[in-house]
Amino acid sequence: MRAGRIDRSTGDLRQAEHCWLCLRPLGHRIEWHHPIPKSRGGRETVPLHPICHRAIHANFTNAELARAGTEVEDLRGNPALATFLRWIVGKPPDFHARTAARKR
């Protein structure tokens, strides 16, 4: 287990080791994401790399995230996010790059 990376999603104080979206090991920076947005009543949080967190919000609205709920596979199946996940897989845990805005 990694020190200083508490997984708040379960409330059992276990350590977070992997990103909820890309499954790569977490680095020094972790952001906590509500799979169901707080504005839609979500309480659970999951650990993400900052770049993965930005990719989610660049590709999905809060309404779309609420419909997907906690089913990460629904997000991973999105063509734009699947492209991102194939690109990020070999990057180091603390890698960060500019995230393009969603094309609407």
Foldseek 3Di string as FASTA:
>chain_A
DDPPAFQPQVVPRDHDAAALQLRDGADPDWDWDFLQDVVRVTDGTGIHQPQLVVQQVQADDNVRSNVCHSVSVVVCPPVVNVVVSVVCNPPDNNDDDDDDHHDD
